[in-house]
Amino acid sequence: MITALVLLNVEPGRVRSLAEELLEIDGVTECYSVAGPYDLVAIVRVREHEQLSDLVTERIASCSGINATETLIAFRAFAKRDLGMVWDIGSE
């Protein structure tokens, strides 16, 4: 499984709607609004590099309101605990 973080600069007022739109794309598993030089971070998980290329350059970059993207490919995941369980606390 290939995991990538796609950093996005978006037009003002489009953060929420773009995050929701990105989550509808197969392969985008999470989307965060963030502080700093970027507006959104999309977490992408695919099986092959070709899928990542198509996803970022054709599906994500073609969304209206995205000004720029930068993609970071993860080499390895490090975590003290199962992060999925941490995010699920209190969701019952």
Protein backbone atom coordinates (compact mmCIF):
# COMPACT_ATOMS: atom_id res chain seq x y z
CA MET A 1 0.00 0.00 0.00
CA ILE A 2 1.35 3.43 -0.97
CA THR A 3 0.48 6.29 1.35
CA ALA A 4 0.93 9.90 0.31
CA LEU A 5 0.13 13.26 1.86
CA VAL A 6 -1.14 15.80 -0.64
CA LEU A 7 -0.67 19.38 0.56
CA LEU A 8 -3.10 21.82 -1.02
CA ASN A 9 -3.43 25.58 -1.39
CA VAL A 10 -7.05 26.45 -2.10
CA GLU A 11 -9.12 29.52 -2.89
CA PRO A 12 -10.50 31.40 0.13
CA GLY A 13 -13.87 30.09 1.24
CA ARG A 14 -13.41 26.69 -0.45
CA VAL A 15 -11.72 24.71 2.34
CA ARG A 16 -14.80 22.86 3.61
CA SER A 17 -16.40 22.21 0.22
CA LEU A 18 -13.12 21.00 -1.29
CA ALA A 19 -12.45 18.71 1.67
CA GLU A 20 -15.87 17.13 1.17
CA GLU A 21 -15.29 16.86 -2.58
CA LEU A 22 -11.88 15.24 -2.10
CA LEU A 23 -13.32 12.63 0.26
CA GLU A 24 -15.59 11.47 -2.58
CA ILE A 25 -12.54 10.47 -4.65
CA ASP A 26 -11.52 6.80 -4.39
CA GLY A 27 -8.13 6.62 -2.69
CA VAL A 28 -8.54 9.75 -0.56
CA THR A 29 -9.03 8.36 2.93
CA GLU A 30 -8.80 11.50 5.09
CA CYS A 31 -8.70 15.25 4.66
CA TYR A 32 -7.60 17.84 7.25
CA SER A 33 -7.84 21.61 7.30
CA VAL A 34 -4.55 22.89 8.70
CA ALA A 35 -2.76 26.04 9.81
CA GLY A 36 0.42 27.16 8.09
CA PRO A 37 1.41 27.54 4.45
CA TYR A 38 -1.18 24.99 3.25
CA ASP A 39 -4.95 24.95 3.64
CA LEU A 40 -5.73 21.23 3.36
CA VAL A 41 -3.86 17.95 3.70
CA ALA A 42 -5.36 14.93 1.96
CA ILE A 43 -4.21 11.45 2.96
CA VAL A 44 -4.14 9.15 -0.05
CA ARG A 45 -3.75 5.37 -0.06
CA VAL A 46 -3.37 3.40 -3.30
CA ARG A 47 -1.79 0.13 -4.40
CA GLU A 48 0.44 1.34 -7.26
CA HIS A 49 2.45 4.44 -8.14
CA GLU A 50 0.53 4.81 -11.41
CA GLN A 51 -2.69 5.09 -9.40
CA LEU A 52 -1.12 7.81 -7.27
CA SER A 53 -0.04 9.70 -10.36
CA ASP A 54 -3.53 9.56 -11.87
CA LEU A 55 -5.19 10.43 -8.59
CA VAL A 56 -3.09 13.53 -7.93
CA THR A 57 -2.61 14.88 -11.44
CA GLU A 58 -6.02 14.07 -12.89
CA ARG A 59 -8.56 13.73 -10.09
CA ILE A 60 -7.31 16.03 -7.31
CA ALA A 61 -5.61 18.76 -9.35
CA SER A 62 -8.67 19.08 -11.60
CA CYS A 63 -10.95 20.07 -8.70
CA SER A 64 -12.09 23.66 -9.04
CA GLY A 65 -10.61 25.94 -6.39
CA ILE A 66 -7.25 24.21 -5.94
CA ASN A 67 -4.41 26.62 -6.63
CA ALA A 68 -1.43 24.30 -6.00
CA THR A 69 -0.53 20.86 -4.69
CA GLU A 70 2.58 19.27 -3.26
CA THR A 71 2.76 15.51 -2.74
CA LEU A 72 4.80 13.72 -0.08
CA ILE A 73 5.15 9.94 -0.45
CA ALA A 74 5.51 8.05 2.82
CA PHE A 75 8.32 5.51 3.02
CA ARG A 76 7.31 3.92 6.32
CA ALA A 77 4.73 4.48 9.07
CA PHE A 78 5.79 4.91 12.68
CA ALA A 79 3.29 5.06 15.54
CA LYS A 80 3.27 4.39 19.29
CA ARG A 81 -0.24 2.98 19.12
CA ASP A 82 -3.05 2.19 16.74
CA LEU A 83 -3.95 5.71 15.62
CA GLY A 84 -7.32 4.51 14.29
CA MET A 85 -8.34 3.57 17.82
CA VAL A 86 -7.28 6.97 19.17
CA TRP A 87 -9.48 8.80 16.65
CA ASP A 88 -12.43 6.53 17.48
CA ILE A 89 -12.52 7.44 21.19
CA GLY A 90 -15.87 8.94 22.08
CA SER A 91 -17.45 8.24 18.71
CA GLU A 92 -19.92 5.68 20.07
